[in-house]
PDB file of N, CA and C in Angstrom:
ATOM      1  N   ARG A   1     137.274  66.285  37.183  1.00  0.00           N
ATOM      2  CA  ARG A   1     138.181  67.348  36.889  1.00  0.00           C
ATOM      3  C   ARG A   1     137.408  68.622  37.702  1.00  0.00           C
ATOM      4  N   ARG A   2     135.977  68.369  37.871  1.00  0.00           N
ATOM      5  CA  ARG A   2     135.083  69.652  38.322  1.00  0.00           C
ATOM      6  C   ARG A   2     135.737  69.974  39.955  1.00  0.00           C
ATOM      7  N   GLU A   3     135.796  68.906  40.602  1.00  0.00           N
ATOM      8  CA  GLU A   3     136.631  68.848  41.717  1.00  0.00           C
ATOM      9  C   GLU A   3     137.966  69.545  41.997  1.00  0.00           C
ATOM     10  N   TYR A   4     138.956  69.427  40.994  1.00  0.00           N
ATOM     11  CA  TYR A   4     140.125  69.706  41.435  1.00  0.00           C
ATOM     12  C   TYR A   4     139.981  71.329  40.382  1.00  0.00           C
ATOM     13  N   ASP A   5     139.797  71.366  39.847  1.00  0.00           N
ATOM     14  CA  ASP A   5     139.367  73.167  39.469  1.00  0.00           C
ATOM     15  C   ASP A   5     138.332  74.219  40.205  1.00  0.00           C
ATOM     16  N   ASN A   6     137.887  73.273  40.945  1.00  0.00           N
ATOM     17  CA  ASN A   6     137.308  74.443  42.338  1.00  0.00           C
ATOM     18  C   ASN A   6     138.016  73.957  43.684  1.00  0.00           C
ATOM     19  N   ASP A   7     139.003  73.385  43.517  1.00  0.00           N
ATOM     20  CA  ASP A   7     139.812  73.456  44.726  1.00  0.00           C
ATOM     21  C   ASP A   7     140.490  74.655  45.091  1.00  0.00           C
ATOM     22  N   PRO A   8     140.276  75.577  46.203  1.00  0.00           N
ATOM     23  CA  PRO A   8     140.763  76.786  46.521  1.00  0.00           C
ATOM     24  C   PRO A   8     142.516  76.466  46.510  1.00  0.00           C
ATOM     25  N   VAL A   9     142.810  75.412  46.764  1.00  0.00           N
ATOM     26  CA  VAL A   9     144.949  75.340  47.077  1.00  0.00           C
ATOM     27  C   VAL A   9     145.161  75.632  45.407  1.00  0.00           C
ATOM     28  N   VAL A  10     144.534  74.770  44.357  1.00  0.00           N
ATOM     29  CA  VAL A  10     144.622  74.821  42.701  1.00  0.00           C
ATOM     30  C   VAL A  10     144.206  75.827  42.408  1.00  0.00           C
ATOM     31  N   ARG A  11     143.244  76.661  42.747  1.00  0.00           N
ATOM     32  CA  ARG A  11     142.948  78.093  42.125  1.00  0.00           C
ATOM     33  C   ARG A  11     143.555  79.179  42.878  1.00  0.00           C
ATOM     34  N   THR A  12     144.319  78.987  43.862  1.00  0.00           N
ATOM     35  CA  THR A  12     145.533  79.964  44.629  1.00  0.00           C
ATOM     36  C   THR A  12     146.498  79.588  43.858  1.00  0.00           C
ATOM     37  N   ILE A  13     147.136  78.852  43.522  1.00  0.00           N
ATOM     38  CA  ILE A  13     148.371  78.517  42.944  1.00  0.00           C
ATOM     39  C   ILE A  13     148.226  79.072  41.535  1.00  0.00           C
ATOM     40  N   ARG A  14     147.003  78.602  41.057  1.00  0.00           N
ATOM     41  CA  ARG A  14     147.315  79.091  39.558  1.00  0.00           C
ATOM     42  C   ARG A  14     147.231  81.136  39.138  1.00  0.00           C
ATOM     43  N   ARG A  15     146.592  81.468  40.257  1.00  0.00           N
ATOM     44  CA  ARG A  15     146.565  82.380  40.394  1.00  0.00           C
ATOM     45  C   ARG A  15     148.176  83.163  40.476  1.00  0.00           C
ATOM     46  N   LEU A  16     148.157  83.222  41.454  1.00  0.00           N
ATOM     47  CA  LEU A  16     150.023  83.152  41.863  1.00  0.00           C
ATOM     48  C   LEU A  16     150.746  82.475  40.591  1.00  0.00           C
ATOM     49  N   VAL A  17     150.968  81.897  39.810  1.00  0.00           N
ATOM     50  CA  VAL A  17     152.110  81.362  38.460  1.00  0.00           C
ATOM     51  C   VAL A  17     151.411  82.249  37.290  1.00  0.00           C
ATOM     52  N   PHE A  18     150.189  82.653  37.453  1.00  0.00           N
ATOM     53  CA  PHE A  18     150.033  83.712  36.811  1.00  0.00           C
ATOM     54  C   PHE A  18     150.392  85.234  36.696  1.00  0.00           C
ATOM     55  N   SER A  19     149.775  85.377  37.703  1.00  0.00           N
ATOM     56  CA  SER A  19     150.746  87.079  37.834  1.00  0.00           C
ATOM     57  C   SER A  19     152.067  87.035  38.798  1.00  0.00           C
ATOM     58  N   GLY A  20     152.705  86.024  38.237  1.00  0.00           N
ATOM     59  CA  GLY A  20     154.244  86.124  38.419  1.00  0.00           C
ATOM     60  C   GLY A  20     154.840  85.831  37.314  1.00  0.00           C
ATOM     61  N   GLY A  21     153.927  85.818  36.515  1.00  0.00           N
ATOM     62  CA  GLY A  21     154.753  85.863  34.988  1.00  0.00           C
ATOM     63  C   GLY A  21     155.090  84.141  34.403  1.00  0.00           C
ATOM     64  N   GLY A  22     154.277  83.200  35.090  1.00  0.00           N
ATOM     65  CA  GLY A  22     155.145  81.670  34.700  1.00  0.00           C
ATOM     66  C   GLY A  22     155.326  80.854  35.666  1.00  0.00           C
ATOM     67  N   SER A  23     155.873  82.079  37.110  1.00  0.00           N
ATOM     68  CA  SER A  23     156.536  81.037  38.271  1.00  0.00           C
ATOM     69  C   SER A  23     156.246  81.906  39.673  1.00  0.00           C
ATOM     70  N   TRP A  24     156.072  81.052  40.519  1.00  0.00           N
ATOM     71  CA  TRP A  24     155.874  81.755  41.767  1.00  0.00           C
ATOM     72  C   TRP A  24     156.791  80.890  42.969  1.00  0.00           C
ATOM     73  N   ARG A  25     157.438  81.361  43.833  1.00  0.00           N
ATOM     74  CA  ARG A  25     158.086  80.597  44.861  1.00  0.00           C
ATOM     75  C   ARG A  25     157.922  81.103  46.452  1.00  0.00           C
ATOM     76  N   GLY A  26     157.550  80.251  47.308  1.00  0.00           N
ATOM     77  CA  GLY A  26     157.290  80.701  48.834  1.00  0.00           C
ATOM     78  C   GLY A  26     156.807  79.857  49.479  1.00  0.00           C
ATOM     79  N   ARG A  27     155.962  79.952  50.540  1.00  0.00           N
ATOM     80  CA  ARG A  27     156.116  78.801  51.733  1.00  0.00           C
ATOM     81  C   ARG A  27     154.542  78.872  51.652  1.00  0.00           C
ATOM     82  N   VAL A  28     154.114  77.748  52.346  1.00  0.00           N
ATOM     83  CA  VAL A  28     152.164  77.311  52.463  1.00  0.00           C
ATOM     84  C   VAL A  28     151.823  78.346  52.614  1.00  0.00           C
ATOM     85  N   SER A  29     152.211  79.020  53.945  1.00  0.00           N
ATOM     86  CA  SER A  29     151.927  79.987  54.686  1.00  0.00           C
ATOM     87  C   SER A  29     151.403  81.108  53.841  1.00  0.00           C
ATOM     88  N   GLU A  30     152.408  81.744  52.996  1.00  0.00           N
ATOM     89  CA  GLU A  30     151.639  82.573  51.891  1.00  0.00           C
ATOM     90  C   GLU A  30     151.197  82.057  51.021  1.00  0.00           C
ATOM     91  N   ILE A  31     150.491  80.987  50.979  1.00  0.00           N
ATOM     92  CA  ILE A  31     149.870  80.538  49.822  1.00  0.00           C
ATOM     93  C   ILE A  31     148.328  80.467  50.429  1.00  0.00           C
ATOM     94  N   ILE A  32     148.575  80.254  51.557  1.00  0.00           N
ATOM     95  CA  ILE A  32     147.514  80.737  52.978  1.00  0.00           C
ATOM     96  C   ILE A  32     146.891  81.927  52.445  1.00  0.00           C
ATOM     97  N   SER A  33     147.631  82.603  52.734  1.00  0.00           N
ATOM     98  CA  SER A  33     147.638  83.813  53.130  1.00  0.00           C
ATOM     99  C   SER A  33     147.063  85.103  51.678  1.00  0.00           C
ATOM    100  N   SER A  34     147.530  84.435  50.674  1.00  0.00           N
ATOM    101  CA  SER A  34     147.359  84.676  49.615  1.00  0.00           C
ATOM    102  C   SER A  34     146.308  84.694  49.158  1.00  0.00           C
ATOM    103  N   SER A  35     145.620  83.215  49.395  1.00  0.00           N
ATOM    104  CA  SER A  35     144.322  83.168  48.946  1.00  0.00           C
ATOM    105  C   SER A  35     142.897  84.032  49.257  1.00  0.00           C
ATOM    106  N   GLN A  36     143.037  84.749  50.461  1.00  0.00           N
ATOM    107  CA  GLN A  36     141.955  85.431  50.763  1.00  0.00           C
ATOM    108  C   GLN A  36     141.868  86.968  49.787  1.00  0.00           C
ATOM    109  N   TYR A  37     142.675  86.719  49.190  1.00  0.00           N
ATOM    110  CA  TYR A  37     142.413  88.007  48.101  1.00  0.00           C
ATOM    111  C   TYR A  37     142.185  87.276  46.698  1.00  0.00           C
ATOM    112  N   PHE A  38     141.772  86.366  46.501  1.00  0.00           N
ATOM    113  CA  PHE A  38     141.162  86.111  45.264  1.00  0.00           C
ATOM    114  C   PHE A  38     139.671  85.029  45.288  1.00  0.00           C
ATOM    115  N   ASN A  39     138.891  85.383  45.003  1.00  0.00           N
ATOM    116  CA  ASN A  39     137.594  85.331  45.160  1.00  0.00           C
ATOM    117  C   ASN A  39     137.441  84.037  44.935  1.00  0.00           C
ATOM    118  N   GLY A  40     136.873  83.431  45.825  1.00  0.00           N
ATOM    119  CA  GLY A  40     136.094  82.064  45.742  1.00  0.00           C
ATOM    120  C   GLY A  40     137.468  81.017  46.153  1.00  0.00           C
ATOM    121  N   SER A  41     138.348  81.686  46.480  1.00  0.00           N
ATOM    122  CA  SER A  41     139.659  80.947  46.885  1.00  0.00           C
ATOM    123  C   SER A  41     140.183  80.359  48.254  1.00  0.00           C
ATOM    124  N   ARG A  42     139.630  80.748  49.255  1.00  0.00           N
ATOM    125  CA  ARG A  42     139.966  81.380  50.392  1.00  0.00           C
ATOM    126  C   ARG A  42     140.368  79.838  51.223  1.00  0.00           C
ATOM    127  N   ILE A  43     141.562  79.344  51.501  1.00  0.00           N
ATOM    128  CA  ILE A  43     142.336  78.758  52.121  1.00  0.00           C
ATOM    129  C   ILE A  43     141.961  78.420  53.553  1.00  0.00           C
ATOM    130  N   TYR A  44     141.111  77.702  54.235  1.00  0.00           N
ATOM    131  CA  TYR A  44     141.279  77.877  55.677  1.00  0.00           C
ATOM    132  C   TYR A  44     141.997  76.545  56.295  1.00  0.00           C
ATOM    133  N   ASP A  45     142.672  75.719  55.776  1.00  0.00           N
ATOM    134  CA  ASP A  45     143.527  74.764  56.295  1.00  0.00           C
ATOM    135  C   ASP A  45     144.536  75.495  56.846  1.00  0.00           C
ATOM    136  N   SER A  46     144.944  73.931  57.580  1.00  0.00           N
ATOM    137  CA  SER A  46     146.415  74.339  58.429  1.00  0.00           C
ATOM    138  C   SER A  46     147.459  74.375  57.223  1.00  0.00           C
ATOM    139  N   SER A  47     148.762  74.874  57.653  1.00  0.00           N
ATOM    140  CA  SER A  47     149.952  74.955  56.371  1.00  0.00           C
ATOM    141  C   SER A  47     150.053  73.089  56.399  1.00  0.00           C
ATOM    142  N   GLN A  48     150.219  72.247  57.547  1.00  0.00           N
ATOM    143  CA  GLN A  48     150.748  71.164  57.047  1.00  0.00           C
ATOM    144  C   GLN A  48     149.564  70.096  56.385  1.00  0.00           C
ATOM    145  N   LYS A  49     148.502  70.554  56.182  1.00  0.00           N
ATOM    146  CA  LYS A  49     147.142  70.287  55.656  1.00  0.00           C
ATOM    147  C   LYS A  49     147.565  70.366  54.070  1.00  0.00           C
ATOM    148  N   VAL A  50     147.585  72.111  54.019  1.00  0.00           N
ATOM    149  CA  VAL A  50     147.831  72.133  52.785  1.00  0.00           C
ATOM    150  C   VAL A  50     149.043  71.753  52.050  1.00  0.00           C
ATOM    151  N   GLY A  51     150.717  71.564  52.769  1.00  0.00           N
ATOM    152  CA  GLY A  51     151.518  71.261  52.088  1.00  0.00           C
ATOM    153  C   GLY A  51     150.733  69.852  51.614  1.00  0.00           C
ATOM    154  N   LYS A  52     150.388  69.005  52.601  1.00  0.00           N
ATOM    155  CA  LYS A  52     150.644  67.621  52.283  1.00  0.00           C
ATOM    156  C   LYS A  52     149.155  67.753  51.197  1.00  0.00           C
ATOM    157  N   LYS A  53     148.413  68.329  50.754  1.00  0.00           N
ATOM    158  CA  LYS A  53     147.707  68.596  49.510  1.00  0.00           C
ATOM    159  C   LYS A  53     148.197  69.125  48.226  1.00  0.00           C
ATOM    160  N   ILE A  54     149.118  69.968  48.418  1.00  0.00           N
ATOM    161  CA  ILE A  54     150.072  70.608  47.070  1.00  0.00           C
ATOM    162  C   ILE A  54     150.901  68.805  47.046  1.00  0.00           C
ATOM    163  N   LYS A  55     151.203  68.035  47.456  1.00  0.00           N
ATOM    164  CA  LYS A  55     152.029  67.031  47.151  1.00  0.00           C
ATOM    165  C   LYS A  55     151.090  66.022  46.355  1.00  0.00           C
ATOM    166  N   GLU A  56     150.201  66.004  46.511  1.00  0.00           N
ATOM    167  CA  GLU A  56     149.105  65.225  46.834  1.00  0.00           C
ATOM    168  C   GLU A  56     148.372  65.484  44.979  1.00  0.00           C
ATOM    169  N   LEU A  57     148.419  67.068  45.086  1.00  0.00           N
ATOM    170  CA  LEU A  57     148.241  67.508  43.438  1.00  0.00           C
ATOM    171  C   LEU A  57     148.967  67.706  42.566  1.00  0.00           C
ATOM    172  N   GLU A  58     150.419  67.587  42.955  1.00  0.00           N
ATOM    173  CA  GLU A  58     151.225  67.374  41.788  1.00  0.00           C
ATOM    174  C   GLU A  58     151.424  66.811  40.087  1.00  0.00           C
ATOM    175  N   LYS A  59     150.663  65.437  40.188  1.00  0.00           N
ATOM    176  CA  LYS A  59     150.499  65.558  39.157  1.00  0.00           C
ATOM    177  C   LYS A  59     149.247  65.732  38.388  1.00  0.00           C
ATOM    178  N   ASP A  60     148.441  66.483  39.010  1.00  0.00           N
ATOM    179  CA  ASP A  60     146.839  67.057  38.470  1.00  0.00           C
ATOM    180  C   ASP A  60     147.855  68.433  37.831  1.00  0.00           C
ATOM    181  N   LEU A  61     148.591  69.094  38.749  1.00  0.00           N
ATOM    182  CA  LEU A  61     148.981  70.436  38.444  1.00  0.00           C
ATOM    183  C   LEU A  61     149.791  70.322  37.197  1.00  0.00           C
ATOM    184  N   GLU A  62     150.395  69.254  37.169  1.00  0.00           N
ATOM    185  CA  GLU A  62     151.705  69.215  35.871  1.00  0.00           C
ATOM    186  C   GLU A  62     150.439  68.844  34.838  1.00  0.00           C
ATOM    187  N   ASN A  63     149.656  67.790  34.661  1.00  0.00           N
ATOM    188  CA  ASN A  63     148.499  66.981  33.448  1.00  0.00           C
ATOM    189  C   ASN A  63     147.371  68.218  33.046  1.00  0.00           C
ATOM    190  N   TYR A  64     147.237  69.129  33.977  1.00  0.00           N
ATOM    191  CA  TYR A  64     145.985  69.969  33.588  1.00  0.00           C
ATOM    192  C   TYR A  64     146.198  71.401  33.475  1.00  0.00           C
ATOM    193  N   ASP A  65     147.458  71.720  33.985  1.00  0.00           N
ATOM    194  CA  ASP A  65     147.467  73.068  34.123  1.00  0.00           C
ATOM    195  C   ASP A  65     149.178  73.287  33.566  1.00  0.00           C
ATOM    196  N   ALA A  66     149.768  72.386  33.337  1.00  0.00           N
ATOM    197  CA  ALA A  66     151.751  72.248  32.864  1.00  0.00           C
ATOM    198  C   ALA A  66     152.198  73.384  34.101  1.00  0.00           C
ATOM    199  N   ILE A  67     151.583  73.205  35.304  1.00  0.00           N
ATOM    200  CA  ILE A  67     152.601  73.713  36.340  1.00  0.00           C
ATOM    201  C   ILE A  67     153.299  72.313  36.962  1.00  0.00           C
ATOM    202  N   HIS A  68     154.680  72.497  37.292  1.00  0.00           N
ATOM    203  CA  HIS A  68     155.588  72.035  37.614  1.00  0.00           C
ATOM    204  C   HIS A  68     156.036  72.366  39.272  1.00  0.00           C
ATOM    205  N   HIS A  69     155.691  71.654  40.176  1.00  0.00           N
ATOM    206  CA  HIS A  69     156.357  71.957  41.208  1.00  0.00           C
ATOM    207  C   HIS A  69     157.652  71.581  42.068  1.00  0.00           C
ATOM    208  N   SER A  70     158.107  71.964  42.793  1.00  0.00           N
ATOM    209  CA  SER A  70     159.590  71.569  43.477  1.00  0.00           C
ATOM    210  C   SER A  70     159.583  72.187  44.814  1.00  0.00           C
ATOM    211  N   THR A  71     160.349  71.587  45.515  1.00  0.00           N
ATOM    212  CA  THR A  71     160.676  72.422  46.908  1.00  0.00           C
ATOM    213  C   THR A  71     161.872  72.619  47.121  1.00  0.00           C
ATOM    214  N   ILE A  72     162.197  73.540  47.829  1.00  0.00           N
ATOM    215  CA  ILE A  72     163.605  73.841  48.090  1.00  0.00           C
ATOM    216  C   ILE A  72     163.944  73.909  49.699  1.00  0.00           C
ATOM    217  N   SER A  73     164.602  72.537  50.124  1.00  0.00           N
ATOM    218  CA  SER A  73     165.030  72.724  51.498  1.00  0.00           C
ATOM    219  C   SER A  73     165.584  73.834  52.739  1.00  0.00           C
ATOM    220  N   ASN A  74     165.331  74.308  53.297  1.00  0.00           N
ATOM    221  CA  ASN A  74     166.263  75.308  53.902  1.00  0.00           C
ATOM    222  C   ASN A  74     167.006  74.358  55.223  1.00  0.00           C
ATOM    223  N   GLY A  75     166.944  73.427  55.209  1.00  0.00           N
ATOM    224  CA  GLY A  75     167.220  72.607  56.293  1.00  0.00           C
ATOM    225  C   GLY A  75     166.945  72.071  57.638  1.00  0.00           C
ATOM    226  N   SER A  76     166.108  73.057  57.615  1.00  0.00           N
ATOM    227  CA  SER A  76     165.534  72.910  59.756  1.00  0.00           C
ATOM    228  C   SER A  76     163.897  72.606  59.108  1.00  0.00           C
ATOM    229  N   GLY A  77     163.884  71.718  58.394  1.00  0.00           N
ATOM    230  CA  GLY A  77     162.641  71.043  58.099  1.00  0.00           C
ATOM    231  C   GLY A  77     161.059  71.324  57.786  1.00  0.00           C
ATOM    232  N   SER A  78     161.435  72.574  57.281  1.00  0.00           N
ATOM    233  CA  SER A  78     160.608  73.624  56.083  1.00  0.00           C
ATOM    234  C   SER A  78     161.257  73.970  54.823  1.00  0.00           C
ATOM    235  N   CYS A  79     160.218  74.185  54.017  1.00  0.00           N
ATOM    236  CA  CYS A  79     161.086  74.332  52.537  1.00  0.00           C
ATOM    237  C   CYS A  79     160.198  75.444  51.793  1.00  0.00           C
ATOM    238  N   GLU A  80     160.628  75.948  50.561  1.00  0.00           N
ATOM    239  CA  GLU A  80     160.057  76.635  50.087  1.00  0.00           C
ATOM    240  C   GLU A  80     159.794  75.167  48.895  1.00  0.00           C
ATOM    241  N   HIS A  81     158.414  76.477  48.236  1.00  0.00           N
ATOM    242  CA  HIS A  81     157.590  75.826  47.257  1.00  0.00           C
ATOM    243  C   HIS A  81     157.638  76.393  45.946  1.00  0.00           C
ATOM    244  N   VAL A  82     158.340  76.006  45.091  1.00  0.00           N
ATOM    245  CA  VAL A  82     158.284  76.624  43.616  1.00  0.00           C
ATOM    246  C   VAL A  82     157.388  75.858  42.632  1.00  0.00           C
ATOM    247  N   PHE A  83     156.534  76.730  41.612  1.00  0.00           N
ATOM    248  CA  PHE A  83     155.649  76.444  40.870  1.00  0.00           C
ATOM    249  C   PHE A  83     156.228  76.979  39.746  1.00  0.00           C
ATOM    250  N   GLU A  84     156.023  76.445  38.565  1.00  0.00           N
ATOM    251  CA  GLU A  84     156.730  77.005  37.270  1.00  0.00           C
ATOM    252  C   GLU A  84     155.824  76.227  36.053  1.00  0.00           C
ATOM    253  N   THR A  85     155.421  77.236  35.120  1.00  0.00           N
ATOM    254  CA  THR A  85     154.894  76.520  33.946  1.00  0.00           C
ATOM    255  C   THR A  85     155.692  76.806  32.748  1.00  0.00           C
ATOM    256  N   PHE A  86     155.727  76.060  31.857  1.00  0.00           N
ATOM    257  CA  PHE A  86     156.592  75.915  30.818  1.00  0.00           C
ATOM    258  C   PHE A  86     155.873  76.338  29.318  1.00  0.00           C
ATOM    259  N   GLU A  87     154.700  76.697  29.712  1.00  0.00           N
ATOM    260  CA  GLU A  87     153.593  77.296  28.958  1.00  0.00           C
ATOM    261  C   GLU A  87     154.154  78.584  28.352  1.00  0.00           C
ATOM    262  N   PRO A  88     154.179  79.015  27.272  1.00  0.00           N
ATOM    263  CA  PRO A  88     155.064  80.673  27.196  1.00  0.00           C
ATOM    264  C   PRO A  88     153.727  81.235  27.630  1.00  0.00           C
ATOM    265  N   LYS A  89     154.205  82.686  27.961  1.00  0.00           N
ATOM    266  CA  LYS A  89     153.719  83.764  28.751  1.00  0.00           C
ATOM    267  C   LYS A  89     152.310  84.296  28.268  1.00  0.00           C
ATOM    268  N   ASN A  90     152.580  84.531  26.904  1.00  0.00           N
ATOM    269  CA  ASN A  90     151.678  85.008  25.975  1.00  0.00           C
ATOM    270  C   ASN A  90     150.495  84.005  25.584  1.00  0.00           C
ATOM    271  N   GLU A  91     150.655  82.683  26.209  1.00  0.00           N
ATOM    272  CA  GLU A  91     149.532  81.821  26.112  1.00  0.00           C
ATOM    273  C   GLU A  91     148.886  81.496  27.026  1.00  0.00           C
ATOM    274  N   MET A  92     149.070  81.869  28.271  1.00  0.00           N
ATOM    275  CA  MET A  92     148.793  81.506  29.678  1.00  0.00           C
ATOM    276  C   MET A  92     147.680  82.818  29.263  1.00  0.00           C
ATOM    277  N   LYS A  93     146.384  82.479  30.014  1.00  0.00           N
ATOM    278  CA  LYS A  93     145.122  83.353  29.570  1.00  0.00           C
ATOM    279  C   LYS A  93     144.463  83.108  31.032  1.00  0.00           C
ATOM    280  N   TRP A  94     143.955  85.118  31.304  1.00  0.00           N
ATOM    281  CA  TRP A  94     143.580  84.963  32.571  1.00  0.00           C
ATOM    282  C   TRP A  94     142.350  83.896  32.871  1.00  0.00           C
ATOM    283  N   ASP A  95     141.560  83.914  31.880  1.00  0.00           N
ATOM    284  CA  ASP A  95     140.409  82.750  32.079  1.00  0.00           C
ATOM    285  C   ASP A  95     141.287  81.713  32.786  1.00  0.00           C
ATOM    286  N   ASP A  96     142.117  81.162  32.306  1.00  0.00           N
ATOM    287  CA  ASP A  96     142.473  79.897  32.520  1.00  0.00           C
ATOM    288  C   ASP A  96     142.934  79.884  34.185  1.00  0.00           C
ATOM    289  N   ALA A  97     143.201  81.009  34.222  1.00  0.00           N
ATOM    290  CA  ALA A  97     144.025  80.944  35.841  1.00  0.00           C
ATOM    291  C   ALA A  97     143.026  81.188  36.831  1.00  0.00           C
ATOM    292  N   LEU A  98     141.770  81.685  36.063  1.00  0.00           N
ATOM    293  CA  LEU A  98     140.474  81.615  37.483  1.00  0.00           C
ATOM    294  C   LEU A  98     139.750  80.488  37.417  1.00  0.00           C
ATOM    295  N   SER A  99     140.084  79.957  36.288  1.00  0.00           N
ATOM    296  CA  SER A  99     139.080  78.407  36.256  1.00  0.00           C
ATOM    297  C   SER A  99     139.437  77.270  37.241  1.00  0.00           C
TER     298      SER A  99
END
């Protein structure tokens, strides 16, 4: 679990979802570029590698953070990623997003 909690992709997704009031939608490139603004979460991998990592993290995001991941295809091979939590907004804690 420690490896999961320290993963820059996980940490960035948590922060994006929290700052979005429980949801975030965008491209992998936006996740990577956003990571530079979160201390200790900088992502240096390619979009392809991060996209594959997100797929691998789906169950853990759901189980540990109650964050559901889905994608919306644009028909040209790329897609938009959607992350949503069904935890009530007032129960989401900043500390949880940062851990």
